[in-house]
Amino acid sequence: MVFADYNNDEVLVHNPEGQLLKSISVDMSPYGLAVISSITVAVTCCKHKTINIVNIDDCVVKQKIKVGKPCCGLSYHADKLYVLAKHTGILEFDLAGNLIRTIPVDVLSSEGYLCFYKDTFCYTCYQDFDESFIACCDDNGTEIWKLNVADSGVTADNYGNFFASNSSDSTLQIVSDDGKKTKKLLDLHDPHKETFLEGVFFDKNSSALLVACTSGTARLYRVI
């Protein structure tokens, strides 16, 4: 399991039992993560406006891609990296760091996550309570649907359903691929603790769902 430690500028590698194995230094404010291979991940670094490509075996940053804008959510597909850039949209890069194109979507802030599934993008944006949302668009940026049920981490299962966290009330939602059906799966709100849901990741091979919280804990669920 790999996590971005925003406050300490590190990528953290844990074993399946949750034990910390490695801490890898990256650029300032790591945020969105994307898996490239079994030993390579990419991470956006908001304050440095870069994407760091990290070899987690050797514990080194092997490449830095200059985004040039505040960036947050990140997704990888077919040798391309897709990143949410504030007030710009979704930027598509090849693995050499070349900007291929800009997909215009509404990115209000540098707090949001991105997921790619079968030529569609699902992304979230958090600015404040009234301007936070989850949206889906096609490969050209044309909006398919938009809802206010989530504002943080998002990931897709094998059928195109989206698991999305809502940090505002610490709930986890599932949204159908057409946006017409939503259901609350988890409610982790605790009036005695400031625990907010953030990143989520669905492992399509094992049907396991990883849910990370700002309290420094994570939960692993089996999806049936």
C-alpha atoms as a PDB file:
ATOM      1  CA  MET A   1       0.000   0.000   0.000  1.00  0.00           C
ATOM      2  CA  VAL A   2       1.324   3.428  -0.970  1.00  0.00           C
ATOM      3  CA  PHE A   3       0.253   6.737   0.551  1.00  0.00           C
ATOM      4  CA  ALA A   4       1.076  10.399  -0.069  1.00  0.00           C
ATOM      5  CA  ASP A   5       2.080  12.192   3.141  1.00  0.00           C
ATOM      6  CA  TYR A   6       1.145  15.781   2.317  1.00  0.00           C
ATOM      7  CA  ASN A   7       2.515  17.355   5.497  1.00  0.00           C
ATOM      8  CA  ASN A   8       5.914  15.640   5.503  1.00  0.00           C
ATOM      9  CA  ASP A   9       6.663  15.601   1.752  1.00  0.00           C
ATOM     10  CA  GLU A  10       6.963  11.838   1.567  1.00  0.00           C
ATOM     11  CA  VAL A  11       5.557   8.799  -0.174  1.00  0.00           C
ATOM     12  CA  LEU A  12       4.960   6.029   2.352  1.00  0.00           C
ATOM     13  CA  VAL A  13       5.059   2.324   1.513  1.00  0.00           C
ATOM     14  CA  HIS A  14       3.271  -0.108   3.846  1.00  0.00           C
ATOM     15  CA  ASN A  15       2.931  -3.871   3.768  1.00  0.00           C
ATOM     16  CA  PRO A  16      -0.542  -5.533   3.660  1.00  0.00           C
ATOM     17  CA  GLU A  17      -0.593  -5.678   7.474  1.00  0.00           C
ATOM     18  CA  GLY A  18      -0.163  -1.907   7.682  1.00  0.00           C
ATOM     19  CA  GLN A  19       3.466  -1.778   8.800  1.00  0.00           C
ATOM     20  CA  LEU A  20       5.560   1.055   7.411  1.00  0.00           C
ATOM     21  CA  LEU A  21       8.315  -0.284   5.162  1.00  0.00           C
ATOM     22  CA  LYS A  22       9.720   2.806   3.454  1.00  0.00           C
ATOM     23  CA  SER A  23       9.533   6.605   3.487  1.00  0.00           C
ATOM     24  CA  ILE A  24      10.584   8.287   0.238  1.00  0.00           C
ATOM     25  CA  SER A  25      11.218  12.039   0.052  1.00  0.00           C
ATOM     26  CA  VAL A  26       9.490  13.880  -2.816  1.00  0.00           C
ATOM     27  CA  ASP A  27       8.731  17.482  -3.775  1.00  0.00           C
ATOM     28  CA  MET A  28       6.557  19.627  -1.499  1.00  0.00           C
ATOM     29  CA  SER A  29       2.943  18.680  -0.694  1.00  0.00           C
ATOM     30  CA  PRO A  30       2.423  15.285  -2.381  1.00  0.00           C
ATOM     31  CA  TYR A  31      -1.270  14.768  -3.115  1.00  0.00           C
ATOM     32  CA  GLY A  32      -2.570  12.517  -5.899  1.00  0.00           C
ATOM     33  CA  LEU A  33      -1.110   9.057  -6.549  1.00  0.00           C
ATOM     34  CA  ALA A  34      -1.208   6.829  -9.631  1.00  0.00           C
ATOM     35  CA  VAL A  35       0.231   3.339 -10.054  1.00  0.00           C
ATOM     36  CA  ILE A  36       2.369   2.927 -13.187  1.00  0.00           C
ATOM     37  CA  SER A  37       3.860  -0.506 -12.463  1.00  0.00           C
ATOM     38  CA  SER A  38       4.527  -2.836  -9.533  1.00  0.00           C
ATOM     39  CA  ILE A  39       7.582  -0.775  -8.606  1.00  0.00           C
ATOM     40  CA  THR A  40       6.722   2.679  -9.970  1.00  0.00           C
ATOM     41  CA  VAL A  41       4.177   5.265  -8.835  1.00  0.00           C
ATOM     42  CA  ALA A  42       3.558   8.868  -9.833  1.00  0.00           C
ATOM     43  CA  VAL A  43       2.581  11.586  -7.361  1.00  0.00           C
ATOM     44  CA  THR A  44       1.537  15.201  -7.819  1.00  0.00           C
ATOM     45  CA  CYS A  45       3.383  17.707  -5.649  1.00  0.00           C
ATOM     46  CA  CYS A  46       1.102  20.715  -5.299  1.00  0.00           C
ATOM     47  CA  LYS A  47       3.457  23.429  -4.082  1.00  0.00           C
ATOM     48  CA  HIS A  48       6.247  22.565  -6.515  1.00  0.00           C
ATOM     49  CA  LYS A  49       3.700  22.164  -9.358  1.00  0.00           C
ATOM     50  CA  THR A  50       5.316  18.913 -10.444  1.00  0.00           C
ATOM     51  CA  ILE A  51       4.644  15.234 -10.935  1.00  0.00           C
ATOM     52  CA  ASN A  52       7.292  13.016  -9.329  1.00  0.00           C
ATOM     53  CA  ILE A  53       7.774   9.513 -10.740  1.00  0.00           C
ATOM     54  CA  VAL A  54       9.028   7.331  -7.903  1.00  0.00           C
ATOM     55  CA  ASN A  55      10.750   3.956  -7.902  1.00  0.00           C
ATOM     56  CA  ILE A  56       9.495   2.429  -4.643  1.00  0.00           C
ATOM     57  CA  ASP A  57      12.044  -0.410  -4.761  1.00  0.00           C
ATOM     58  CA  ASP A  58      15.055   1.902  -4.922  1.00  0.00           C
ATOM     59  CA  CYS A  59      13.336   4.684  -2.899  1.00  0.00           C
ATOM     60  CA  VAL A  60      14.246   7.390  -5.412  1.00  0.00           C
ATOM     61  CA  VAL A  61      12.491   9.976  -7.553  1.00  0.00           C
ATOM     62  CA  LYS A  62      13.645   8.962 -11.002  1.00  0.00           C
ATOM     63  CA  GLN A  63      11.907  11.737 -12.935  1.00  0.00           C
ATOM     64  CA  LYS A  64      10.132  15.049 -12.401  1.00  0.00           C
ATOM     65  CA  ILE A  65       7.526  16.429 -14.796  1.00  0.00           C
ATOM     66  CA  LYS A  66       6.911  20.189 -14.651  1.00  0.00           C
ATOM     67  CA  VAL A  67       3.184  20.917 -14.645  1.00  0.00           C
ATOM     68  CA  GLY A  68       3.624  24.635 -14.021  1.00  0.00           C
ATOM     69  CA  LYS A  69       0.256  24.988 -12.289  1.00  0.00           C
ATOM     70  CA  PRO A  70      -1.169  23.926  -8.914  1.00  0.00           C
ATOM     71  CA  CYS A  71      -2.056  20.254  -9.453  1.00  0.00           C
ATOM     72  CA  CYS A  72      -3.846  17.628  -7.421  1.00  0.00           C
ATOM     73  CA  GLY A  73      -5.676  14.517  -8.688  1.00  0.00           C
ATOM     74  CA  LEU A  74      -3.747  12.093 -10.886  1.00  0.00           C
ATOM     75  CA  SER A  75      -4.584   9.056 -13.016  1.00  0.00           C
ATOM     76  CA  TYR A  76      -2.593   6.733 -15.272  1.00  0.00           C
ATOM     77  CA  HIS A  77      -3.790   4.906 -18.379  1.00  0.00           C
ATOM     78  CA  ALA A  78      -2.077   3.458 -21.469  1.00  0.00           C
ATOM     79  CA  ASP A  79       1.308   5.162 -20.884  1.00  0.00           C
ATOM     80  CA  LYS A  80      -0.324   8.532 -20.231  1.00  0.00           C
ATOM     81  CA  LEU A  81      -0.620  10.573 -17.059  1.00  0.00           C
ATOM     82  CA  TYR A  82      -3.684  12.733 -16.492  1.00  0.00           C
ATOM     83  CA  VAL A  83      -3.564  15.460 -13.867  1.00  0.00           C
ATOM     84  CA  LEU A  84      -6.099  17.982 -12.532  1.00  0.00           C
ATOM     85  CA  ALA A  85      -4.707  21.513 -12.779  1.00  0.00           C
ATOM     86  CA  LYS A  86      -6.354  24.440 -11.021  1.00  0.00           C
ATOM     87  CA  HIS A  87      -8.358  26.787 -13.305  1.00  0.00           C
ATOM     88  CA  THR A  88      -7.127  24.822 -16.330  1.00  0.00           C
ATOM     89  CA  GLY A  89      -8.602  21.333 -16.580  1.00  0.00           C
ATOM     90  CA  ILE A  90      -7.136  17.893 -17.131  1.00  0.00           C
ATOM     91  CA  LEU A  91      -3.605  17.900 -18.557  1.00  0.00           C
ATOM     92  CA  GLU A  92      -2.427  14.837 -20.493  1.00  0.00           C
ATOM     93  CA  PHE A  93       1.297  13.998 -20.358  1.00  0.00           C
ATOM     94  CA  ASP A  94       3.312  11.160 -21.815  1.00  0.00           C
ATOM     95  CA  LEU A  95       5.812   9.422 -19.539  1.00  0.00           C
ATOM     96  CA  ALA A  96       8.646  11.485 -20.999  1.00  0.00           C
ATOM     97  CA  GLY A  97       7.002  14.581 -19.526  1.00  0.00           C
ATOM     98  CA  ASN A  98       5.643  16.060 -22.759  1.00  0.00           C
ATOM     99  CA  LEU A  99       2.291  17.840 -22.550  1.00  0.00           C
ATOM    100  CA  ILE A 100       0.036  16.287 -25.182  1.00  0.00           C
ATOM    101  CA  ARG A 101      -3.174  18.235 -24.685  1.00  0.00           C
ATOM    102  CA  THR A 102      -5.407  20.103 -22.263  1.00  0.00           C
ATOM    103  CA  ILE A 103      -8.940  18.825 -21.635  1.00  0.00           C
ATOM    104  CA  PRO A 104     -11.034  21.786 -20.438  1.00  0.00           C
ATOM    105  CA  VAL A 105     -13.072  20.992 -17.329  1.00  0.00           C
ATOM    106  CA  ASP A 106     -14.129  23.012 -14.294  1.00  0.00           C
ATOM    107  CA  VAL A 107     -11.320  22.758 -11.716  1.00  0.00           C
ATOM    108  CA  LEU A 108     -12.026  25.361  -9.059  1.00  0.00           C
ATOM    109  CA  SER A 109      -9.203  24.620  -6.646  1.00  0.00           C
ATOM    110  CA  SER A 110      -6.104  22.534  -6.037  1.00  0.00           C
ATOM    111  CA  GLU A 111      -8.076  20.062  -3.919  1.00  0.00           C
ATOM    112  CA  GLY A 112      -9.581  17.266  -5.978  1.00  0.00           C
ATOM    113  CA  TYR A 113      -9.056  13.739  -7.263  1.00  0.00           C
ATOM    114  CA  LEU A 114      -9.229  12.106 -10.678  1.00  0.00           C
ATOM    115  CA  CYS A 115     -10.119   8.670 -12.038  1.00  0.00           C
ATOM    116  CA  PHE A 116     -10.054   7.353 -15.615  1.00  0.00           C
ATOM    117  CA  TYR A 117     -12.401   4.585 -16.742  1.00  0.00           C
ATOM    118  CA  LYS A 118     -13.073   3.501 -20.339  1.00  0.00           C
ATOM    119  CA  ASP A 119     -12.650   6.860 -22.084  1.00  0.00           C
ATOM    120  CA  THR A 120     -14.372   8.825 -19.330  1.00  0.00           C
ATOM    121  CA  PHE A 121     -12.985  10.873 -16.466  1.00  0.00           C
ATOM    122  CA  CYS A 122     -14.542  11.130 -13.047  1.00  0.00           C
ATOM    123  CA  TYR A 123     -13.177  13.909 -10.868  1.00  0.00           C
ATOM    124  CA  THR A 124     -13.933  15.727  -7.648  1.00  0.00           C
ATOM    125  CA  CYS A 125     -13.367  19.276  -6.554  1.00  0.00           C
ATOM    126  CA  TYR A 126     -13.466  20.849  -3.109  1.00  0.00           C
ATOM    127  CA  GLN A 127     -13.505  24.620  -2.712  1.00  0.00           C
ATOM    128  CA  ASP A 128     -16.083  25.236  -0.007  1.00  0.00           C
ATOM    129  CA  PHE A 129     -19.354  23.669   1.091  1.00  0.00           C
ATOM    130  CA  ASP A 130     -21.350  25.295  -1.717  1.00  0.00           C
ATOM    131  CA  GLU A 131     -18.868  24.652  -4.525  1.00  0.00           C
ATOM    132  CA  SER A 132     -17.811  21.042  -4.071  1.00  0.00           C
ATOM    133  CA  PHE A 133     -18.828  18.259  -6.423  1.00  0.00           C
ATOM    134  CA  ILE A 134     -18.119  15.033  -8.242  1.00  0.00           C
ATOM    135  CA  ALA A 135     -18.437  15.081 -12.039  1.00  0.00           C
ATOM    136  CA  CYS A 136     -17.992  12.795 -15.009  1.00  0.00           C
ATOM    137  CA  CYS A 137     -16.950  13.886 -18.490  1.00  0.00           C
ATOM    138  CA  ASP A 138     -15.970  12.239 -21.762  1.00  0.00           C
ATOM    139  CA  ASP A 139     -12.482  12.148 -23.267  1.00  0.00           C
ATOM    140  CA  ASN A 140     -12.965  15.656 -24.696  1.00  0.00           C
ATOM    141  CA  GLY A 141     -14.165  17.233 -21.449  1.00  0.00           C
ATOM    142  CA  THR A 142     -17.893  17.293 -22.254  1.00  0.00           C
ATOM    143  CA  GLU A 143     -19.779  16.932 -18.990  1.00  0.00           C
ATOM    144  CA  ILE A 144     -21.921  13.788 -18.663  1.00  0.00           C
ATOM    145  CA  TRP A 145     -23.175  14.333 -15.121  1.00  0.00           C
ATOM    146  CA  LYS A 146     -22.399  16.343 -11.996  1.00  0.00           C
ATOM    147  CA  LEU A 147     -23.493  15.745  -8.385  1.00  0.00           C
ATOM    148  CA  ASN A 148     -22.841  17.215  -4.943  1.00  0.00           C
ATOM    149  CA  VAL A 149     -22.557  13.894  -3.068  1.00  0.00           C
ATOM    150  CA  ALA A 150     -18.744  13.733  -2.901  1.00  0.00           C
ATOM    151  CA  ASP A 151     -15.747  16.050  -2.926  1.00  0.00           C
ATOM    152  CA  SER A 152     -12.621  13.971  -2.327  1.00  0.00           C
ATOM    153  CA  GLY A 153     -11.075  10.639  -3.374  1.00  0.00           C
ATOM    154  CA  VAL A 154     -12.598   8.720  -6.298  1.00  0.00           C
ATOM    155  CA  THR A 155     -11.935   5.304  -7.843  1.00  0.00           C
ATOM    156  CA  ALA A 156     -13.749   2.952 -10.248  1.00  0.00           C
ATOM    157  CA  ASP A 157     -14.662  -0.716  -9.866  1.00  0.00           C
ATOM    158  CA  ASN A 158     -14.755  -3.343 -12.620  1.00  0.00           C
ATOM    159  CA  TYR A 159     -18.221  -2.275 -13.779  1.00  0.00           C
ATOM    160  CA  GLY A 160     -17.777   1.480 -14.022  1.00  0.00           C
ATOM    161  CA  ASN A 161     -19.300   2.327 -10.650  1.00  0.00           C
ATOM    162  CA  PHE A 162     -17.416   5.005  -8.741  1.00  0.00           C
ATOM    163  CA  PHE A 163     -16.510   4.911  -5.062  1.00  0.00           C
ATOM    164  CA  ALA A 164     -16.107   8.482  -3.865  1.00  0.00           C
ATOM    165  CA  SER A 165     -15.436  10.004  -0.457  1.00  0.00           C
ATOM    166  CA  ASN A 166     -17.083  13.105   0.903  1.00  0.00           C
ATOM    167  CA  SER A 167     -14.690  14.745   3.351  1.00  0.00           C
ATOM    168  CA  SER A 168     -17.335  17.297   4.378  1.00  0.00           C
ATOM    169  CA  ASP A 169     -19.312  14.677   6.330  1.00  0.00           C
ATOM    170  CA  SER A 170     -16.877  11.708   6.367  1.00  0.00           C
ATOM    171  CA  THR A 171     -19.029   9.434   4.204  1.00  0.00           C
ATOM    172  CA  LEU A 172     -18.249   7.103   1.323  1.00  0.00           C
ATOM    173  CA  GLN A 173     -20.633   7.014  -1.624  1.00  0.00           C
ATOM    174  CA  ILE A 174     -21.048   4.710  -4.589  1.00  0.00           C
ATOM    175  CA  VAL A 175     -22.227   6.354  -7.813  1.00  0.00           C
ATOM    176  CA  SER A 176     -23.403   4.460 -10.899  1.00  0.00           C
ATOM    177  CA  ASP A 177     -21.575   5.056 -14.176  1.00  0.00           C
ATOM    178  CA  ASP A 178     -24.463   7.173 -15.513  1.00  0.00           C
ATOM    179  CA  GLY A 179     -24.704   9.234 -12.317  1.00  0.00           C
ATOM    180  CA  LYS A 180     -28.350   8.340 -11.811  1.00  0.00           C
ATOM    181  CA  LYS A 181     -27.936   6.168  -8.724  1.00  0.00           C
ATOM    182  CA  THR A 182     -26.057   6.941  -5.521  1.00  0.00           C
ATOM    183  CA  LYS A 183     -25.823   5.111  -2.210  1.00  0.00           C
ATOM    184  CA  LYS A 184     -24.043   5.811   1.050  1.00  0.00           C
ATOM    185  CA  LEU A 185     -21.760   2.875   1.913  1.00  0.00           C
ATOM    186  CA  LEU A 186     -19.894   4.206   4.941  1.00  0.00           C
ATOM    187  CA  ASP A 187     -20.416   6.900   7.547  1.00  0.00           C
ATOM    188  CA  LEU A 188     -17.282   7.435   9.627  1.00  0.00           C
ATOM    189  CA  HIS A 189     -18.325  10.744  11.158  1.00  0.00           C
ATOM    190  CA  ASP A 190     -17.195  10.975  14.781  1.00  0.00           C
ATOM    191  CA  PRO A 191     -18.208  14.090  16.748  1.00  0.00           C
ATOM    192  CA  HIS A 192     -15.248  13.515  19.086  1.00  0.00           C
ATOM    193  CA  LYS A 193     -12.576  13.233  16.396  1.00  0.00           C
ATOM    194  CA  GLU A 194     -11.683  15.293  13.338  1.00  0.00           C
ATOM    195  CA  THR A 195     -11.531  12.380  10.932  1.00  0.00           C
ATOM    196  CA  PHE A 196     -12.129  13.146   7.254  1.00  0.00           C
ATOM    197  CA  LEU A 197     -12.121  10.686   4.382  1.00  0.00           C
ATOM    198  CA  GLU A 198      -9.634  11.433   1.619  1.00  0.00           C
ATOM    199  CA  GLY A 199      -8.040   9.121  -0.937  1.00  0.00           C
ATOM    200  CA  VAL A 200      -9.687   5.871  -2.055  1.00  0.00           C
ATOM    201  CA  PHE A 201      -8.387   3.083  -4.290  1.00  0.00           C
ATOM    202  CA  PHE A 202     -10.123  -0.005  -5.679  1.00  0.00           C
ATOM    203  CA  ASP A 203      -7.968  -3.015  -6.545  1.00  0.00           C
ATOM    204  CA  LYS A 204      -9.722  -4.592  -9.534  1.00  0.00           C
ATOM    205  CA  ASN A 205      -7.864  -7.893  -9.116  1.00  0.00           C
ATOM    206  CA  SER A 206      -8.784  -8.566  -5.495  1.00  0.00           C
ATOM    207  CA  SER A 207     -11.969  -6.437  -5.206  1.00  0.00           C
ATOM    208  CA  ALA A 208     -10.443  -4.668  -2.212  1.00  0.00           C
ATOM    209  CA  LEU A 209     -11.210  -1.045  -1.416  1.00  0.00           C
ATOM    210  CA  LEU A 210      -8.646   1.081   0.434  1.00  0.00           C
ATOM    211  CA  VAL A 211      -9.989   4.168   2.227  1.00  0.00           C
ATOM    212  CA  ALA A 212      -7.537   6.697   3.714  1.00  0.00           C
ATOM    213  CA  CYS A 213      -8.400   9.213   6.432  1.00  0.00           C
ATOM    214  CA  THR A 214      -6.781  12.490   7.466  1.00  0.00           C
ATOM    215  CA  SER A 215      -6.345  11.083  10.986  1.00  0.00           C
ATOM    216  CA  GLY A 216      -3.390   9.060   9.697  1.00  0.00           C
ATOM    217  CA  THR A 217      -5.305   5.798   9.462  1.00  0.00           C
ATOM    218  CA  ALA A 218      -6.605   3.738   6.548  1.00  0.00           C
ATOM    219  CA  ARG A 219      -9.209   0.996   6.213  1.00  0.00           C
ATOM    220  CA  LEU A 220      -9.257  -1.943   3.817  1.00  0.00           C
ATOM    221  CA  TYR A 221     -12.611  -3.402   2.777  1.00  0.00           C
ATOM    222  CA  ARG A 222     -13.602  -6.414   0.711  1.00  0.00           C
ATOM    223  CA  VAL A 223     -16.225  -5.462  -1.880  1.00  0.00           C
ATOM    224  CA  ILE A 224     -18.810  -8.189  -2.513  1.00  0.00           C
END
